[in-house]
Amino acid sequence: MTIDDFLNYLRYERNYSERTVQSYGEDLRAFESYFKNSMDHALSWESVDSDVIRDWMEHMMDKGNNASSINRRLSALRSFYRFALARKLVDADPAHGVTGPKKSKVLPQFLRESELDVLLDRELSDADDYINVRARTIIMMFYATGMRLSELVGLDETMIDFTTCQLKVTGKRNKQRIVPFGEELKEELLHYINMRNARFPERQAEALFLTDKGQPMNSNQVRYEVKKHLSKVSTLKKRTPHVLRHTFATAMLNHDAGLESVKKLLGHESLTTTEIYTHTTFEQLKRVYEKAHPRA
């Protein structure tokens, strides 16, 4: 039984791309090299068992391979042994039932509160032109409410109740929810709306946020404005409206908001989705501990 037989099967019978075939070959030869150089030099493709495969996975983890890389190689091995078993080249499939490592959750990126303070209280605090006042209001909206980009773009004034300081947003699958906001955002919104109405007294669009030509802003335009201004205070790779949503959730939890309350404010259907922010705050707590404790 040879690897080349399997690769030709992928190439000519399954019509896999040459790049994919080469990737399979590299993964299988890496495993072959491992078991042939193991302590048991009598091992072969036919005699390998599941313990050898698990040892190989552990070996890869020790070398610093991530879960995605290990699972890709395990997938190649599974395909190879299914091929061999179907052609009666082996009596059993040692890869069957072997589970790969779980992928680590990618923690959401967020800005520090001090960075938002610098942006809102220094960089944009003296904004007196329409473009910058609009930018400040948009950033405050994301930071103060945790709304999604699509929700902000879909806002019009009828969705805002300035008496109760609440706004109605339409989220995923057209589900609506009520989100409260504070006095600071209320003042900022009223300031922006007055400036917008003075600039476009005969505006046709009902949208809350308008371009400098009086048209409703689209998602790309909002995304550009947010990235431009977040770049002034942050070196994060991602500087998007969604990062501000993450920042809202993290700030709420850091200031003792309950997980269920944050779930409702964000419009999550499942608490599991919201729980990722507890990992974020715990990672922050660990960094504080490591810096502060003398024996950390």
Protein backbone atom coordinates (compact mmCIF):
# COMPACT_ATOMS: atom_id res chain seq x y z
CA MET A 1 0.00 0.00 0.00
CA THR A 2 1.53 3.32 -1.08
CA ILE A 3 0.62 6.94 -0.64
CA ASP A 4 0.96 7.46 -4.39
CA ASP A 5 -1.93 5.04 -5.05
CA PHE A 6 -4.18 7.14 -2.86
CA LEU A 7 -3.00 10.42 -4.39
CA ASN A 8 -3.69 9.13 -7.89
CA TYR A 9 -7.16 8.15 -6.73
CA LEU A 10 -7.73 11.73 -5.55
CA ARG A 11 -6.22 13.15 -8.71
CA TYR A 12 -7.91 11.02 -11.37
CA GLU A 13 -11.05 9.60 -9.79
CA ARG A 14 -12.05 12.39 -7.42
CA ASN A 15 -10.69 15.21 -9.61
CA TYR A 16 -9.06 17.03 -6.69
CA SER A 17 -6.90 20.01 -7.56
CA GLU A 18 -3.16 19.41 -7.74
CA ARG A 19 -2.62 21.74 -4.82
CA THR A 20 -5.02 19.72 -2.65
CA VAL A 21 -3.41 16.45 -3.73
CA GLN A 22 0.02 17.77 -2.80
CA SER A 23 -1.29 18.89 0.59
CA TYR A 24 -2.66 15.40 1.27
CA GLY A 25 0.66 13.90 0.24
CA GLU A 26 2.64 16.16 2.59
CA ASP A 27 0.37 15.33 5.53
CA LEU A 28 0.52 11.57 4.93
CA ARG A 29 4.28 11.53 4.46
CA ALA A 30 4.66 13.48 7.70
CA PHE A 31 2.76 10.72 9.51
CA GLU A 32 4.70 7.99 7.71
CA SER A 33 7.98 9.61 8.73
CA TYR A 34 6.75 9.79 12.32
CA PHE A 35 5.82 6.13 12.74
CA LYS A 36 8.84 4.85 10.80
CA ASN A 37 11.14 6.80 13.09
CA SER A 38 9.32 5.80 16.26
CA MET A 39 10.68 3.46 18.89
CA ASP A 40 8.85 0.56 17.23
CA HIS A 41 10.66 0.36 13.90
CA ALA A 42 8.45 -2.56 12.78
CA LEU A 43 5.43 -0.31 12.34
CA SER A 44 3.78 -0.09 8.94
CA TRP A 45 0.61 1.40 7.50
CA GLU A 46 -1.06 -1.96 8.11
CA SER A 47 0.03 -2.28 11.76
CA VAL A 48 -0.47 1.30 12.95
CA ASP A 49 -3.19 1.58 15.60
CA SER A 50 -5.17 4.45 17.07
CA ASP A 51 -2.67 4.94 19.91
CA VAL A 52 0.08 5.70 17.38
CA ILE A 53 -2.15 8.29 15.74
CA ARG A 54 -2.90 9.90 19.11
CA ASP A 55 0.81 9.92 19.94
CA TRP A 56 1.45 11.64 16.62
CA MET A 57 -1.13 14.30 17.41
CA GLU A 58 0.44 14.88 20.81
CA HIS A 59 3.85 15.11 19.13
CA MET A 60 2.52 17.81 16.79
CA MET A 61 1.01 19.76 19.68
CA ASP A 62 4.34 19.62 21.52
CA LYS A 63 5.97 21.13 18.44
CA GLY A 64 3.54 24.05 18.52
CA ASN A 65 1.13 23.05 15.74
CA ASN A 66 -2.30 24.58 16.22
CA ALA A 67 -5.59 22.67 16.32
CA SER A 68 -6.54 23.58 12.74
CA SER A 69 -3.28 22.19 11.35
CA ILE A 70 -3.53 18.97 13.37
CA ASN A 71 -7.18 18.41 12.40
CA ARG A 72 -6.32 18.93 8.73
CA ARG A 73 -3.64 16.23 8.91
CA LEU A 74 -5.97 13.91 10.80
CA SER A 75 -8.59 14.43 8.09
CA ALA A 76 -6.06 13.40 5.43
CA LEU A 77 -5.24 10.28 7.44
CA ARG A 78 -8.92 9.38 7.80
CA SER A 79 -9.45 9.69 4.04
CA PHE A 80 -6.38 7.55 3.36
CA TYR A 81 -7.53 4.75 5.65
CA ARG A 82 -11.10 4.81 4.29
CA PHE A 83 -9.58 4.37 0.84
CA ALA A 84 -7.39 1.50 2.06
CA LEU A 85 -10.23 -0.21 3.93
CA ALA A 86 -12.57 -0.03 0.94
CA ARG A 87 -9.93 -1.80 -1.17
CA LYS A 88 -9.22 -4.35 1.57
CA LEU A 89 -5.64 -3.18 1.89
CA VAL A 90 -6.05 -3.02 5.67
CA ASP A 91 -8.22 -5.02 8.07
CA ALA A 92 -9.23 -2.05 10.22
CA ASP A 93 -9.27 1.73 10.16
CA PRO A 94 -7.14 2.99 13.08
CA ALA A 95 -8.15 6.60 12.41
CA HIS A 96 -11.84 5.85 12.94
CA GLY A 97 -12.98 7.23 16.27
CA VAL A 98 -9.86 9.34 16.83
CA THR A 99 -10.94 12.87 17.59
CA GLY A 100 -8.75 15.88 16.94
CA PRO A 101 -8.04 18.71 19.36
CA LYS A 102 -10.73 21.32 19.85
CA LYS A 103 -10.07 24.62 18.20
CA SER A 104 -9.45 27.35 20.72
CA LYS A 105 -12.07 30.06 20.69
CA VAL A 106 -10.94 33.27 19.09
CA LEU A 107 -11.51 35.90 21.72
CA PRO A 108 -13.23 39.04 20.44
CA GLN A 109 -11.02 42.07 20.11
CA PHE A 110 -12.01 45.20 21.98
CA LEU A 111 -10.69 48.67 22.72
CA ARG A 112 -9.64 49.76 26.18
CA GLU A 113 -11.91 52.25 27.87
CA SER A 114 -9.03 54.73 28.00
CA GLU A 115 -8.68 54.57 24.20
CA LEU A 116 -12.35 55.44 23.71
CA ASP A 117 -11.99 58.25 26.26
CA VAL A 118 -9.10 59.72 24.25
CA LEU A 119 -11.04 59.45 21.00
CA LEU A 120 -14.32 60.89 22.26
CA ASP A 121 -13.02 63.38 24.82
CA ARG A 122 -9.95 64.62 22.99
CA GLU A 123 -9.73 63.71 19.30
CA LEU A 124 -13.39 64.39 18.52
CA SER A 125 -14.43 66.53 21.48
CA ASP A 126 -14.20 69.85 19.65
CA ALA A 127 -15.79 68.62 16.44
CA ASP A 128 -17.86 71.46 15.01
CA ASP A 129 -18.27 70.40 11.38
CA TYR A 130 -20.95 68.02 10.15
CA ILE A 131 -18.60 65.17 9.14
CA ASN A 132 -16.81 64.95 12.47
CA VAL A 133 -19.93 65.47 14.58
CA ARG A 134 -21.55 62.64 12.62
CA ALA A 135 -18.47 60.43 13.17
CA ARG A 136 -18.47 61.12 16.92
CA THR A 137 -22.19 60.34 17.13
CA ILE A 138 -21.81 57.08 15.20
CA ILE A 139 -18.93 55.90 17.39
CA MET A 140 -20.85 56.84 20.53
CA MET A 141 -23.90 54.95 19.24
CA PHE A 142 -21.92 51.74 18.77
CA TYR A 143 -20.08 52.11 22.07
CA ALA A 144 -23.13 53.11 24.13
CA THR A 145 -25.62 50.58 22.75
CA GLY A 146 -23.64 47.64 21.33
CA MET A 147 -25.77 47.62 18.21
CA ARG A 148 -24.73 45.92 14.99
CA LEU A 149 -23.66 47.80 11.87
CA SER A 150 -26.80 46.78 9.97
CA GLU A 151 -28.93 47.98 12.88
CA LEU A 152 -27.31 51.41 12.91
CA VAL A 153 -27.59 51.83 9.13
CA GLY A 154 -31.30 50.96 9.38
CA LEU A 155 -32.07 53.59 12.03
CA ASP A 156 -34.38 56.55 11.51
CA GLU A 157 -35.62 59.14 13.97
CA THR A 158 -38.96 57.41 14.55
CA MET A 159 -37.06 54.61 16.28
CA ILE A 160 -35.64 56.97 18.93
CA ASP A 161 -37.59 58.04 22.02
CA PHE A 162 -35.72 60.95 23.57
CA THR A 163 -38.15 61.18 26.50
CA THR A 164 -37.40 57.68 27.80
CA CYS A 165 -33.92 57.48 26.24
CA GLN A 166 -34.69 54.30 24.36
CA LEU A 167 -34.31 53.25 20.77
CA LYS A 168 -35.86 50.43 18.81
CA VAL A 169 -33.51 48.42 16.61
CA THR A 170 -34.26 45.71 14.10
CA GLY A 171 -31.79 42.87 14.43
CA LYS A 172 -31.23 39.53 12.75
CA ARG A 173 -34.30 37.84 11.23
CA ASN A 174 -36.16 41.15 11.65
CA LYS A 175 -36.38 40.73 15.42
CA GLN A 176 -36.85 44.04 17.19
CA ARG A 177 -35.57 44.96 20.63
CA ILE A 178 -35.50 48.05 22.83
CA VAL A 179 -32.10 49.41 23.81
CA PRO A 180 -31.64 52.12 26.46
CA PHE A 181 -29.10 54.90 26.18
CA GLY A 182 -27.76 57.60 28.47
CA GLU A 183 -27.89 61.38 28.68
CA GLU A 184 -24.51 61.84 27.00
CA LEU A 185 -25.62 60.02 23.86
CA LYS A 186 -28.96 61.84 23.98
CA GLU A 187 -27.21 65.21 23.87
CA GLU A 188 -24.89 64.03 21.11
CA LEU A 189 -27.79 62.73 19.01
CA LEU A 190 -29.77 65.94 19.37
CA HIS A 191 -26.69 67.99 18.47
CA TYR A 192 -26.09 65.86 15.37
CA ILE A 193 -29.75 65.95 14.30
CA ASN A 194 -29.90 69.75 14.62
CA MET A 195 -26.76 70.07 12.53
CA ARG A 196 -28.04 67.59 9.94
CA ASN A 197 -31.41 69.34 9.66
CA ALA A 198 -29.72 72.72 9.21
CA ARG A 199 -27.51 71.28 6.49
CA PHE A 200 -30.34 69.42 4.73
CA PRO A 201 -33.55 71.33 5.51
CA GLU A 202 -35.45 69.64 2.70
CA ARG A 203 -34.03 66.16 3.09
CA GLN A 204 -35.97 63.31 1.50
CA ALA A 205 -34.37 60.35 3.31
CA GLU A 206 -35.71 59.16 6.67
CA ALA A 207 -32.39 57.57 7.63
CA LEU A 208 -30.75 58.93 10.78
CA PHE A 209 -27.24 59.15 9.38
CA LEU A 210 -26.76 60.91 6.05
CA THR A 211 -23.73 61.40 3.84
CA ASP A 212 -22.36 64.89 3.18
CA LYS A 213 -24.66 64.91 0.11
CA GLY A 214 -27.79 64.07 2.06
CA GLN A 215 -28.11 60.41 1.11
CA PRO A 216 -28.49 57.55 3.61
CA MET A 217 -25.12 56.20 4.66
CA ASN A 218 -24.44 52.61 3.67
CA SER A 219 -22.52 49.97 5.60
CA ASN A 220 -19.24 50.55 3.77
CA GLN A 221 -19.33 54.29 4.45
CA VAL A 222 -19.97 53.75 8.16
CA ARG A 223 -17.27 51.10 8.32
CA TYR A 224 -14.78 53.49 6.69
CA GLU A 225 -15.56 56.30 9.15
CA VAL A 226 -15.17 54.02 12.15
CA LYS A 227 -11.86 52.57 10.96
CA LYS A 228 -10.46 56.03 10.18
CA HIS A 229 -11.13 57.32 13.68
CA LEU A 230 -10.32 54.16 15.65
CA SER A 231 -6.93 54.16 13.90
CA LYS A 232 -6.11 57.34 15.82
CA VAL A 233 -6.18 55.55 19.18
CA SER A 234 -5.82 51.83 18.54
CA THR A 235 -3.32 49.47 16.91
CA LEU A 236 -5.77 46.56 16.70
CA LYS A 237 -5.76 44.77 13.37
CA LYS A 238 -9.53 45.00 13.32
CA ARG A 239 -10.93 48.49 13.75
CA THR A 240 -14.55 47.91 12.82
CA PRO A 241 -18.03 48.65 14.15
CA HIS A 242 -18.13 45.07 15.44
CA VAL A 243 -15.06 45.78 17.58
CA LEU A 244 -17.07 48.59 19.19
CA ARG A 245 -19.88 46.09 19.81
CA HIS A 246 -17.33 43.83 21.53
CA THR A 247 -16.06 46.85 23.47
CA PHE A 248 -19.58 47.64 24.69
CA ALA A 249 -20.14 44.07 25.92
CA THR A 250 -16.74 43.87 27.61
CA ALA A 251 -17.19 47.23 29.33
CA MET A 252 -20.63 46.21 30.61
CA LEU A 253 -19.33 42.97 32.11
CA ASN A 254 -16.26 44.68 33.56
CA HIS A 255 -18.61 47.06 35.37
CA ASP A 256 -20.70 44.26 36.90
CA ALA A 257 -23.55 43.97 34.41
CA GLY A 258 -25.23 40.56 34.49
CA LEU A 259 -24.66 38.17 31.59
CA GLU A 260 -28.39 37.82 30.92
CA SER A 261 -28.76 41.61 30.71
CA VAL A 262 -25.89 41.91 28.23
CA LYS A 263 -27.43 39.09 26.18
CA LYS A 264 -30.68 41.03 25.86
CA LEU A 265 -28.93 44.29 25.04
CA LEU A 266 -26.89 42.63 22.28
CA GLY A 267 -29.89 40.77 20.88
CA HIS A 268 -28.27 37.33 21.22
CA GLU A 269 -30.63 34.36 21.03
CA SER A 270 -28.39 32.12 23.12
CA LEU A 271 -26.50 32.87 26.31
CA THR A 272 -23.65 30.75 24.93
CA THR A 273 -22.96 33.45 22.35
CA THR A 274 -22.68 36.08 25.06
CA GLU A 275 -20.48 33.91 27.29
CA ILE A 276 -17.45 34.43 25.06
CA TYR A 277 -17.14 37.89 26.59
CA THR A 278 -16.62 36.33 30.02
CA HIS A 279 -13.52 34.66 28.56
CA THR A 280 -12.38 38.06 27.35
CA THR A 281 -12.76 39.66 30.76
CA PHE A 282 -11.10 36.66 32.44
CA GLU A 283 -8.10 36.98 30.11
CA GLN A 284 -7.87 40.63 31.11
CA LEU A 285 -8.07 39.61 34.77
CA LYS A 286 -5.25 37.10 34.27
CA ARG A 287 -3.00 39.78 32.80
CA VAL A 288 -3.65 42.01 35.81
CA TYR A 289 -2.86 39.10 38.13
CA GLU A 290 0.37 38.23 36.32
CA LYS A 291 1.57 41.81 36.54
CA ALA A 292 0.55 42.35 40.16
CA HIS A 293 1.24 39.13 42.01
CA PRO A 294 4.86 38.69 43.19
CA ARG A 295 4.82 34.95 42.52
CA ALA A 296 2.70 34.90 39.39
